[in-house]
Amino acid sequence: MDAARALLERSDRPLKTVAHRCGFGTAARMRAAFLRHLGVSALDYRQHFGAFRQRD
């Protein structure tokens, strides 16, 4: 989870790539883990905390 969070924060790699590199296997599994542990999807996490997020 920590590795996935770091990659989502610091890179613009696709979710499926992040999921595979961090041992989730699929983006769907990573999404479920994020929802279960953090209460937000991986995409929502990236949009809020990622370096490449759109700024207001």
N, C-alpha and C. Protein backbone atom coordinates (compact mmCIF):
# COMPACT_ATOMS: atom_id res chain seq x y z
N MET A 1 0.83 -1.18 0.00
CA MET A 1 0.00 0.00 0.00
C MET A 1 0.88 1.26 0.00
N ASP A 2 1.91 1.27 0.83
CA ASP A 2 2.79 2.45 0.89
C ASP A 2 3.50 2.69 -0.43
N ALA A 3 3.96 1.62 -1.07
CA ALA A 3 4.63 1.76 -2.36
C ALA A 3 3.67 2.29 -3.42
N ALA A 4 2.45 1.81 -3.42
CA ALA A 4 1.45 2.27 -4.39
C ALA A 4 1.12 3.74 -4.14
N ARG A 5 0.95 4.11 -2.89
CA ARG A 5 0.67 5.51 -2.56
C ARG A 5 1.81 6.41 -3.06
N ALA A 6 3.04 6.00 -2.84
CA ALA A 6 4.18 6.79 -3.27
C ALA A 6 4.22 6.94 -4.79
N LEU A 7 3.97 5.85 -5.51
CA LEU A 7 3.97 5.94 -6.97
C LEU A 7 2.82 6.81 -7.48
N LEU A 8 1.67 6.71 -6.85
CA LEU A 8 0.54 7.55 -7.27
C LEU A 8 0.82 9.02 -7.00
N GLU A 9 1.54 9.30 -5.93
CA GLU A 9 1.87 10.68 -5.59
C GLU A 9 2.94 11.26 -6.50
N ARG A 10 3.90 10.43 -6.93
CA ARG A 10 5.09 10.95 -7.60
C ARG A 10 5.19 10.65 -9.09
N SER A 11 4.28 9.88 -9.63
CA SER A 11 4.39 9.55 -11.05
C SER A 11 3.03 9.68 -11.73
N ASP A 12 3.08 9.66 -13.05
CA ASP A 12 1.84 9.67 -13.81
C ASP A 12 1.62 8.33 -14.52
N ARG A 13 2.28 7.29 -14.01
CA ARG A 13 2.11 5.95 -14.58
C ARG A 13 0.65 5.52 -14.47
N PRO A 14 0.18 4.74 -15.44
CA PRO A 14 -1.20 4.24 -15.39
C PRO A 14 -1.45 3.41 -14.12
N LEU A 15 -2.68 3.41 -13.66
CA LEU A 15 -3.03 2.66 -12.45
C LEU A 15 -2.68 1.19 -12.59
N LYS A 16 -2.89 0.61 -13.77
CA LYS A 16 -2.59 -0.81 -13.93
C LYS A 16 -1.09 -1.08 -13.78
N THR A 17 -0.25 -0.15 -14.20
CA THR A 17 1.19 -0.29 -14.03
C THR A 17 1.58 -0.20 -12.57
N VAL A 18 1.01 0.77 -11.86
CA VAL A 18 1.28 0.92 -10.43
C VAL A 18 0.83 -0.33 -9.70
N ALA A 19 -0.35 -0.81 -10.01
CA ALA A 19 -0.88 -2.01 -9.36
C ALA A 19 0.05 -3.20 -9.56
N HIS A 20 0.50 -3.41 -10.77
CA HIS A 20 1.37 -4.54 -11.07
C HIS A 20 2.71 -4.41 -10.34
N ARG A 21 3.31 -3.22 -10.40
CA ARG A 21 4.62 -3.00 -9.77
C ARG A 21 4.58 -3.15 -8.26
N CYS A 22 3.41 -2.90 -7.67
CA CYS A 22 3.29 -2.93 -6.20
C CYS A 22 2.68 -4.21 -5.67
N GLY A 23 2.48 -5.19 -6.54
CA GLY A 23 2.05 -6.51 -6.10
C GLY A 23 0.56 -6.73 -6.00
N PHE A 24 -0.24 -5.79 -6.48
CA PHE A 24 -1.69 -5.99 -6.45
C PHE A 24 -2.18 -6.87 -7.59
N GLY A 25 -1.40 -6.93 -8.66
CA GLY A 25 -1.78 -7.76 -9.80
C GLY A 25 -2.64 -7.02 -10.80
N THR A 26 -3.74 -6.46 -10.35
CA THR A 26 -4.64 -5.74 -11.24
C THR A 26 -5.04 -4.41 -10.62
N ALA A 27 -5.46 -3.50 -11.48
CA ALA A 27 -5.94 -2.20 -10.99
C ALA A 27 -7.18 -2.38 -10.13
N ALA A 28 -8.02 -3.36 -10.46
CA ALA A 28 -9.24 -3.60 -9.68
C ALA A 28 -8.91 -4.01 -8.24
N ARG A 29 -7.90 -4.85 -8.08
CA ARG A 29 -7.50 -5.26 -6.72
C ARG A 29 -6.93 -4.08 -5.94
N MET A 30 -6.14 -3.27 -6.62
CA MET A 30 -5.57 -2.10 -5.95
C MET A 30 -6.68 -1.13 -5.56
N ARG A 31 -7.63 -0.93 -6.46
CA ARG A 31 -8.76 -0.05 -6.18
C ARG A 31 -9.52 -0.51 -4.95
N ALA A 32 -9.77 -1.81 -4.88
CA ALA A 32 -10.49 -2.37 -3.73
C ALA A 32 -9.70 -2.19 -2.43
N ALA A 33 -8.39 -2.38 -2.50
CA ALA A 33 -7.56 -2.23 -1.31
C ALA A 33 -7.55 -0.77 -0.85
N PHE A 34 -7.46 0.16 -1.78
CA PHE A 34 -7.50 1.57 -1.41
C PHE A 34 -8.83 1.92 -0.76
N LEU A 35 -9.91 1.45 -1.34
CA LEU A 35 -11.23 1.72 -0.75
C LEU A 35 -11.35 1.13 0.64
N ARG A 36 -10.86 -0.07 0.81
CA ARG A 36 -10.96 -0.77 2.10
C ARG A 36 -10.09 -0.09 3.17
N HIS A 37 -8.88 0.30 2.81
CA HIS A 37 -7.94 0.83 3.81
C HIS A 37 -7.96 2.34 3.97
N LEU A 38 -8.26 3.06 2.88
CA LEU A 38 -8.20 4.53 2.93
C LEU A 38 -9.55 5.21 2.72
N GLY A 39 -10.53 4.45 2.26
CA GLY A 39 -11.85 5.02 2.04
C GLY A 39 -12.00 5.81 0.75
N VAL A 40 -10.97 5.77 -0.11
CA VAL A 40 -11.01 6.42 -1.42
C VAL A 40 -10.40 5.49 -2.45
N SER A 41 -10.79 5.68 -3.70
CA SER A 41 -10.19 4.87 -4.76
C SER A 41 -8.77 5.36 -5.03
N ALA A 42 -8.00 4.54 -5.71
CA ALA A 42 -6.63 4.91 -6.07
C ALA A 42 -6.63 6.15 -6.96
N LEU A 43 -7.58 6.23 -7.87
CA LEU A 43 -7.67 7.40 -8.75
C LEU A 43 -7.97 8.66 -7.95
N ASP A 44 -8.91 8.57 -7.01
CA ASP A 44 -9.22 9.73 -6.16
C ASP A 44 -8.01 10.12 -5.33
N TYR A 45 -7.29 9.14 -4.82
CA TYR A 45 -6.08 9.41 -4.05
C TYR A 45 -5.09 10.20 -4.91
N ARG A 46 -4.85 9.73 -6.13
CA ARG A 46 -3.92 10.42 -7.03
C ARG A 46 -4.39 11.83 -7.33
N GLN A 47 -5.67 12.00 -7.57
CA GLN A 47 -6.19 13.33 -7.90
C GLN A 47 -6.00 14.31 -6.75
N HIS A 48 -6.04 13.83 -5.52
CA HIS A 48 -5.89 14.71 -4.36
C HIS A 48 -4.45 14.91 -3.92
N PHE A 49 -3.62 13.88 -4.07
CA PHE A 49 -2.27 13.92 -3.52
C PHE A 49 -1.15 13.83 -4.54
N GLY A 50 -1.49 13.55 -5.78
CA GLY A 50 -0.46 13.37 -6.80
C GLY A 50 0.19 14.67 -7.23
N ALA A 51 1.43 14.58 -7.62
CA ALA A 51 2.19 15.74 -8.08
C ALA A 51 1.66 16.27 -9.40
N PHE A 52 0.95 15.45 -10.15
CA PHE A 52 0.47 15.83 -11.46
C PHE A 52 -1.01 16.22 -11.45
N ARG A 53 -1.54 16.46 -10.24
CA ARG A 53 -2.95 16.82 -10.14
C ARG A 53 -3.19 18.20 -10.74
N GLN A 54 -4.41 18.43 -11.19
CA GLN A 54 -4.76 19.75 -11.70
C GLN A 54 -4.94 20.70 -10.53
N ARG A 55 -4.43 21.86 -10.69
CA ARG A 55 -4.52 22.87 -9.63
C ARG A 55 -5.66 23.85 -9.96
N ASP A 56 -6.28 24.36 -8.90
CA ASP A 56 -7.36 25.36 -9.10
C ASP A 56 -6.79 26.69 -9.51
